[in-house]
Amino acid sequence: MIHYALKCGNGHDFDSWFQSAAAFDALAGAGHLSCSVCGSGDVKKAIMAPRVISKSTVKPTQDTPAPVETAPVPVLKTPEGSEGNIENAVAELRKKVEETSDYVGKDFTDQARAMHLGDVPERAIYGEARPDQARSLIEDGVPLLPLPFRPRQKLS
C-alpha cells in the first residue's frame, strides 16, 4: 500500500491510500479519482515529504521491546457547510445517494457492467460488491466509487 497526498484543481488538499503507484496511475488515467471535498475529477499528487524512520539509539534487549512503527492518523477534511463534523457530511451524502439513486443490492456488479456495455439504460445505482468484483469492474473501465457508509436497506 502507498499513501499519497492529493490536491484537486480547486485547491482542496486530501490524502488516500492506493495498492501501488501503478494502481494510482491506472485509476487517474481512467478518470476514477475525485476530490473528497468537492468531487472534482481533476486530481493530482501533491508534494509531500517522505517518511524517514531513524534507528533508535536504544538497542532492544529481551526486556526492552523494539520500537513499533505506527501509521499516521489520516487528516479528515470536511466539505464546506458541514459545520466541521464529518458525520454530518456523511449523513448528507447518504441522504443524497438514497434520494437520487436506486439500491440494487448484490446485483450491483451485473447492473453496472450492463449499463457500461449499453445493454440497459444508464441510471444512478448503488449496491454491494466484493473487492474482487469491484476490482474487475475498474479493470474493465466501469466507473464506480466506494461509499463511506453501508446501505440501510437490503433486498431479498
C-alpha atoms as a PDB file:
ATOM      1  CA  MET A   1       0.000   0.000   0.000  1.00  0.00           C
ATOM      2  CA  ILE A   2       1.144   3.534  -0.718  1.00  0.00           C
ATOM      3  CA  HIS A   3      -0.135   6.765   0.791  1.00  0.00           C
ATOM      4  CA  TYR A   4      -0.364   9.896  -1.376  1.00  0.00           C
ATOM      5  CA  ALA A   5      -1.154  13.483  -0.537  1.00  0.00           C
ATOM      6  CA  LEU A   6      -3.527  14.699  -3.274  1.00  0.00           C
ATOM      7  CA  LYS A   7      -4.786  18.057  -4.486  1.00  0.00           C
ATOM      8  CA  CYS A   8      -7.709  18.883  -6.766  1.00  0.00           C
ATOM      9  CA  GLY A   9      -7.942  21.639  -9.360  1.00  0.00           C
ATOM     10  CA  ASN A  10      -9.992  23.718  -6.900  1.00  0.00           C
ATOM     11  CA  GLY A  11      -7.134  23.702  -4.373  1.00  0.00           C
ATOM     12  CA  HIS A  12      -8.518  21.164  -1.890  1.00  0.00           C
ATOM     13  CA  ASP A  13      -5.901  19.010  -0.145  1.00  0.00           C
ATOM     14  CA  PHE A  14      -6.702  15.437   0.892  1.00  0.00           C
ATOM     15  CA  ASP A  15      -4.988  12.080   1.030  1.00  0.00           C
ATOM     16  CA  SER A  16      -5.662   8.483   0.109  1.00  0.00           C
ATOM     17  CA  TRP A  17      -4.114   5.019   0.082  1.00  0.00           C
ATOM     18  CA  PHE A  18      -3.514   3.025  -3.109  1.00  0.00           C
ATOM     19  CA  GLN A  19      -2.477  -0.560  -3.724  1.00  0.00           C
ATOM     20  CA  SER A  20       0.622   0.648  -5.596  1.00  0.00           C
ATOM     21  CA  ALA A  21       1.970   3.574  -7.598  1.00  0.00           C
ATOM     22  CA  ALA A  22       0.800   1.772 -10.739  1.00  0.00           C
ATOM     23  CA  ALA A  23      -2.709   1.442  -9.278  1.00  0.00           C
ATOM     24  CA  PHE A  24      -2.810   5.203  -8.685  1.00  0.00           C
ATOM     25  CA  ASP A  25      -1.660   5.850 -12.270  1.00  0.00           C
ATOM     26  CA  ALA A  26      -4.278   3.440 -13.677  1.00  0.00           C
ATOM     27  CA  LEU A  27      -7.122   4.993 -11.660  1.00  0.00           C
ATOM     28  CA  ALA A  28      -6.010   8.528 -12.505  1.00  0.00           C
ATOM     29  CA  GLY A  29      -5.622   7.660 -16.192  1.00  0.00           C
ATOM     30  CA  ALA A  30      -9.113   6.151 -16.305  1.00  0.00           C
ATOM     31  CA  GLY A  31     -10.647   9.208 -14.588  1.00  0.00           C
ATOM     32  CA  HIS A  32     -11.725   7.256 -11.499  1.00  0.00           C
ATOM     33  CA  LEU A  33     -10.328   9.686  -8.936  1.00  0.00           C
ATOM     34  CA  SER A  34     -12.302  12.555  -7.457  1.00  0.00           C
ATOM     35  CA  CYS A  35     -11.766  15.153  -4.766  1.00  0.00           C
ATOM     36  CA  SER A  36     -13.088  14.058  -1.393  1.00  0.00           C
ATOM     37  CA  VAL A  37     -14.175  17.633  -0.681  1.00  0.00           C
ATOM     38  CA  CYS A  38     -15.802  18.936  -3.872  1.00  0.00           C
ATOM     39  CA  GLY A  39     -15.985  15.886  -6.174  1.00  0.00           C
ATOM     40  CA  SER A  40     -13.765  17.404  -8.893  1.00  0.00           C
ATOM     41  CA  GLY A  41     -12.186  14.843 -11.198  1.00  0.00           C
ATOM     42  CA  ASP A  42      -9.052  16.991 -11.634  1.00  0.00           C
ATOM     43  CA  VAL A  43      -6.888  15.214  -9.015  1.00  0.00           C
ATOM     44  CA  LYS A  44      -3.072  15.238  -8.932  1.00  0.00           C
ATOM     45  CA  LYS A  45      -0.429  14.082  -6.480  1.00  0.00           C
ATOM     46  CA  ALA A  46       0.647  16.892  -4.158  1.00  0.00           C
ATOM     47  CA  ILE A  47       4.176  17.496  -2.960  1.00  0.00           C
ATOM     48  CA  MET A  48       4.833  15.519   0.177  1.00  0.00           C
ATOM     49  CA  ALA A  49       7.803  14.668   2.360  1.00  0.00           C
ATOM     50  CA  PRO A  50       8.873  11.044   2.517  1.00  0.00           C
ATOM     51  CA  ARG A  51       8.546   9.239   5.828  1.00  0.00           C
ATOM     52  CA  VAL A  52      12.013   8.570   7.154  1.00  0.00           C
ATOM     53  CA  ILE A  53      12.405   6.235  10.093  1.00  0.00           C
ATOM     54  CA  SER A  54      15.571   6.682  12.131  1.00  0.00           C
ATOM     55  CA  LYS A  55      17.125   3.923  14.180  1.00  0.00           C
ATOM     56  CA  SER A  56      16.501   4.157  17.867  1.00  0.00           C
ATOM     57  CA  THR A  57      19.526   4.961  19.989  1.00  0.00           C
ATOM     58  CA  VAL A  58      18.375   2.306  22.476  1.00  0.00           C
ATOM     59  CA  LYS A  59      19.198  -1.198  21.371  1.00  0.00           C
ATOM     60  CA  PRO A  60      16.376  -3.650  22.065  1.00  0.00           C
ATOM     61  CA  THR A  61      17.067  -6.287  24.684  1.00  0.00           C
ATOM     62  CA  GLN A  62      14.918  -9.092  25.929  1.00  0.00           C
ATOM     63  CA  ASP A  63      13.409  -6.679  28.473  1.00  0.00           C
ATOM     64  CA  THR A  64      13.028  -3.749  26.061  1.00  0.00           C
ATOM     65  CA  PRO A  65      10.667  -4.235  23.132  1.00  0.00           C
ATOM     66  CA  ALA A  66      11.748  -2.956  19.736  1.00  0.00           C
ATOM     67  CA  PRO A  67      10.165   0.354  18.688  1.00  0.00           C
ATOM     68  CA  VAL A  68       7.000  -0.161  16.703  1.00  0.00           C
ATOM     69  CA  GLU A  69       6.284   1.950  13.654  1.00  0.00           C
ATOM     70  CA  THR A  70       2.773   3.354  13.697  1.00  0.00           C
ATOM     71  CA  ALA A  71       0.815   4.543  10.718  1.00  0.00           C
ATOM     72  CA  PRO A  72      -0.005   8.247  10.620  1.00  0.00           C
ATOM     73  CA  VAL A  73      -3.509   9.247  11.611  1.00  0.00           C
ATOM     74  CA  PRO A  74      -5.321  10.478   8.471  1.00  0.00           C
ATOM     75  CA  VAL A  75      -6.487  14.072   8.470  1.00  0.00           C
ATOM     76  CA  LEU A  76     -10.161  14.302   7.572  1.00  0.00           C
ATOM     77  CA  LYS A  77     -11.307  17.490   5.940  1.00  0.00           C
ATOM     78  CA  THR A  78     -15.000  18.232   5.888  1.00  0.00           C
ATOM     79  CA  PRO A  79     -16.887  19.795   2.984  1.00  0.00           C
ATOM     80  CA  GLU A  80     -17.924  23.391   3.350  1.00  0.00           C
ATOM     81  CA  GLY A  81     -21.283  23.768   5.090  1.00  0.00           C
ATOM     82  CA  SER A  82     -20.923  20.594   7.145  1.00  0.00           C
ATOM     83  CA  GLU A  83     -20.144  22.654  10.258  1.00  0.00           C
ATOM     84  CA  GLY A  84     -16.869  20.827  10.844  1.00  0.00           C
ATOM     85  CA  ASN A  85     -18.495  17.472  11.518  1.00  0.00           C
ATOM     86  CA  ILE A  86     -17.588  14.559   9.252  1.00  0.00           C
ATOM     87  CA  GLU A  87     -20.589  12.589  10.487  1.00  0.00           C
ATOM     88  CA  ASN A  88     -22.915  15.325   9.213  1.00  0.00           C
ATOM     89  CA  ALA A  89     -21.172  15.320   5.835  1.00  0.00           C
ATOM     90  CA  VAL A  90     -21.544  11.537   5.509  1.00  0.00           C
ATOM     91  CA  ALA A  91     -25.201  11.740   6.590  1.00  0.00           C
ATOM     92  CA  GLU A  92     -25.854  14.375   3.917  1.00  0.00           C
ATOM     93  CA  LEU A  93     -24.113  12.226   1.295  1.00  0.00           C
ATOM     94  CA  ARG A  94     -26.169   9.187   2.345  1.00  0.00           C
ATOM     95  CA  LYS A  95     -29.393  11.206   2.067  1.00  0.00           C
ATOM     96  CA  LYS A  96     -28.495  12.462  -1.415  1.00  0.00           C
ATOM     97  CA  VAL A  97     -27.476   8.988  -2.652  1.00  0.00           C
ATOM     98  CA  GLU A  98     -30.659   7.383  -1.284  1.00  0.00           C
ATOM     99  CA  GLU A  99     -32.861  10.103  -2.830  1.00  0.00           C
ATOM    100  CA  THR A 100     -31.235  10.123  -6.286  1.00  0.00           C
ATOM    101  CA  SER A 101     -30.118   6.507  -6.809  1.00  0.00           C
ATOM    102  CA  ASP A 102     -31.644   3.047  -6.974  1.00  0.00           C
ATOM    103  CA  TYR A 103     -30.394   0.435  -4.491  1.00  0.00           C
ATOM    104  CA  VAL A 104     -29.640  -2.777  -6.424  1.00  0.00           C
ATOM    105  CA  GLY A 105     -28.036  -4.774  -3.599  1.00  0.00           C
ATOM    106  CA  LYS A 106     -25.748  -7.632  -4.574  1.00  0.00           C
ATOM    107  CA  ASP A 107     -26.795  -7.186  -8.236  1.00  0.00           C
ATOM    108  CA  PHE A 108     -24.596  -4.052  -8.375  1.00  0.00           C
ATOM    109  CA  THR A 109     -21.786  -5.682 -10.373  1.00  0.00           C
ATOM    110  CA  ASP A 110     -24.108  -7.063 -13.060  1.00  0.00           C
ATOM    111  CA  GLN A 111     -26.138  -3.836 -13.290  1.00  0.00           C
ATOM    112  CA  ALA A 112     -23.052  -1.589 -13.503  1.00  0.00           C
ATOM    113  CA  ARG A 113     -21.439  -3.770 -16.182  1.00  0.00           C
ATOM    114  CA  ALA A 114     -24.690  -3.935 -18.214  1.00  0.00           C
ATOM    115  CA  MET A 115     -25.010  -0.133 -18.139  1.00  0.00           C
ATOM    116  CA  HIS A 116     -21.354   0.278 -19.130  1.00  0.00           C
ATOM    117  CA  LEU A 117     -21.839  -2.083 -22.097  1.00  0.00           C
ATOM    118  CA  GLY A 118     -25.041  -0.302 -23.143  1.00  0.00           C
ATOM    119  CA  ASP A 119     -27.245  -3.351 -22.553  1.00  0.00           C
ATOM    120  CA  VAL A 120     -29.545  -1.405 -20.210  1.00  0.00           C
ATOM    121  CA  PRO A 121     -30.234   2.344 -19.896  1.00  0.00           C
ATOM    122  CA  GLU A 122     -27.903   4.238 -17.575  1.00  0.00           C
ATOM    123  CA  ARG A 123     -29.201   5.363 -14.210  1.00  0.00           C
ATOM    124  CA  ALA A 124     -27.726   6.166 -10.812  1.00  0.00           C
ATOM    125  CA  ILE A 125     -27.362   2.991  -8.749  1.00  0.00           C
ATOM    126  CA  TYR A 126     -25.664   1.866  -5.559  1.00  0.00           C
ATOM    127  CA  GLY A 127     -25.283  -1.523  -4.013  1.00  0.00           C
ATOM    128  CA  GLU A 128     -22.805  -4.075  -2.798  1.00  0.00           C
ATOM    129  CA  ALA A 129     -19.778  -5.670  -4.425  1.00  0.00           C
ATOM    130  CA  ARG A 130     -16.958  -7.834  -3.125  1.00  0.00           C
ATOM    131  CA  PRO A 131     -13.454  -6.359  -3.528  1.00  0.00           C
ATOM    132  CA  ASP A 132     -12.627  -8.756  -6.378  1.00  0.00           C
ATOM    133  CA  GLN A 133     -15.832  -7.757  -8.199  1.00  0.00           C
ATOM    134  CA  ALA A 134     -15.087  -4.037  -7.762  1.00  0.00           C
ATOM    135  CA  ARG A 135     -11.515  -4.594  -8.989  1.00  0.00           C
ATOM    136  CA  SER A 136     -12.839  -6.386 -12.082  1.00  0.00           C
ATOM    137  CA  LEU A 137     -15.232  -3.514 -12.845  1.00  0.00           C
ATOM    138  CA  ILE A 138     -12.417  -0.961 -12.505  1.00  0.00           C
ATOM    139  CA  GLU A 139     -10.119  -3.017 -14.753  1.00  0.00           C
ATOM    140  CA  ASP A 140     -12.908  -3.083 -17.366  1.00  0.00           C
ATOM    141  CA  GLY A 141     -13.242   0.714 -17.212  1.00  0.00           C
ATOM    142  CA  VAL A 142     -16.584   0.770 -15.408  1.00  0.00           C
ATOM    143  CA  PRO A 143     -16.764   3.976 -13.347  1.00  0.00           C
ATOM    144  CA  LEU A 144     -17.545   3.360  -9.695  1.00  0.00           C
ATOM    145  CA  LEU A 145     -16.874   4.898  -6.318  1.00  0.00           C
ATOM    146  CA  PRO A 146     -16.893   3.285  -2.889  1.00  0.00           C
ATOM    147  CA  LEU A 147     -19.311   4.942  -0.485  1.00  0.00           C
ATOM    148  CA  PRO A 148     -18.310   5.803   3.097  1.00  0.00           C
ATOM    149  CA  PHE A 149     -21.381   4.098   4.557  1.00  0.00           C
ATOM    150  CA  ARG A 150     -23.240   0.792   4.451  1.00  0.00           C
ATOM    151  CA  PRO A 151     -26.652   0.684   2.802  1.00  0.00           C
ATOM    152  CA  ARG A 152     -29.593   0.779   5.218  1.00  0.00           C
ATOM    153  CA  GLN A 153     -31.831  -1.349   3.072  1.00  0.00           C
ATOM    154  CA  LYS A 154     -31.293  -4.890   1.944  1.00  0.00           C
ATOM    155  CA  LEU A 155     -33.008  -6.589  -0.951  1.00  0.00           C
ATOM    156  CA  SER A 156     -34.100 -10.192  -0.539  1.00  0.00           C
END
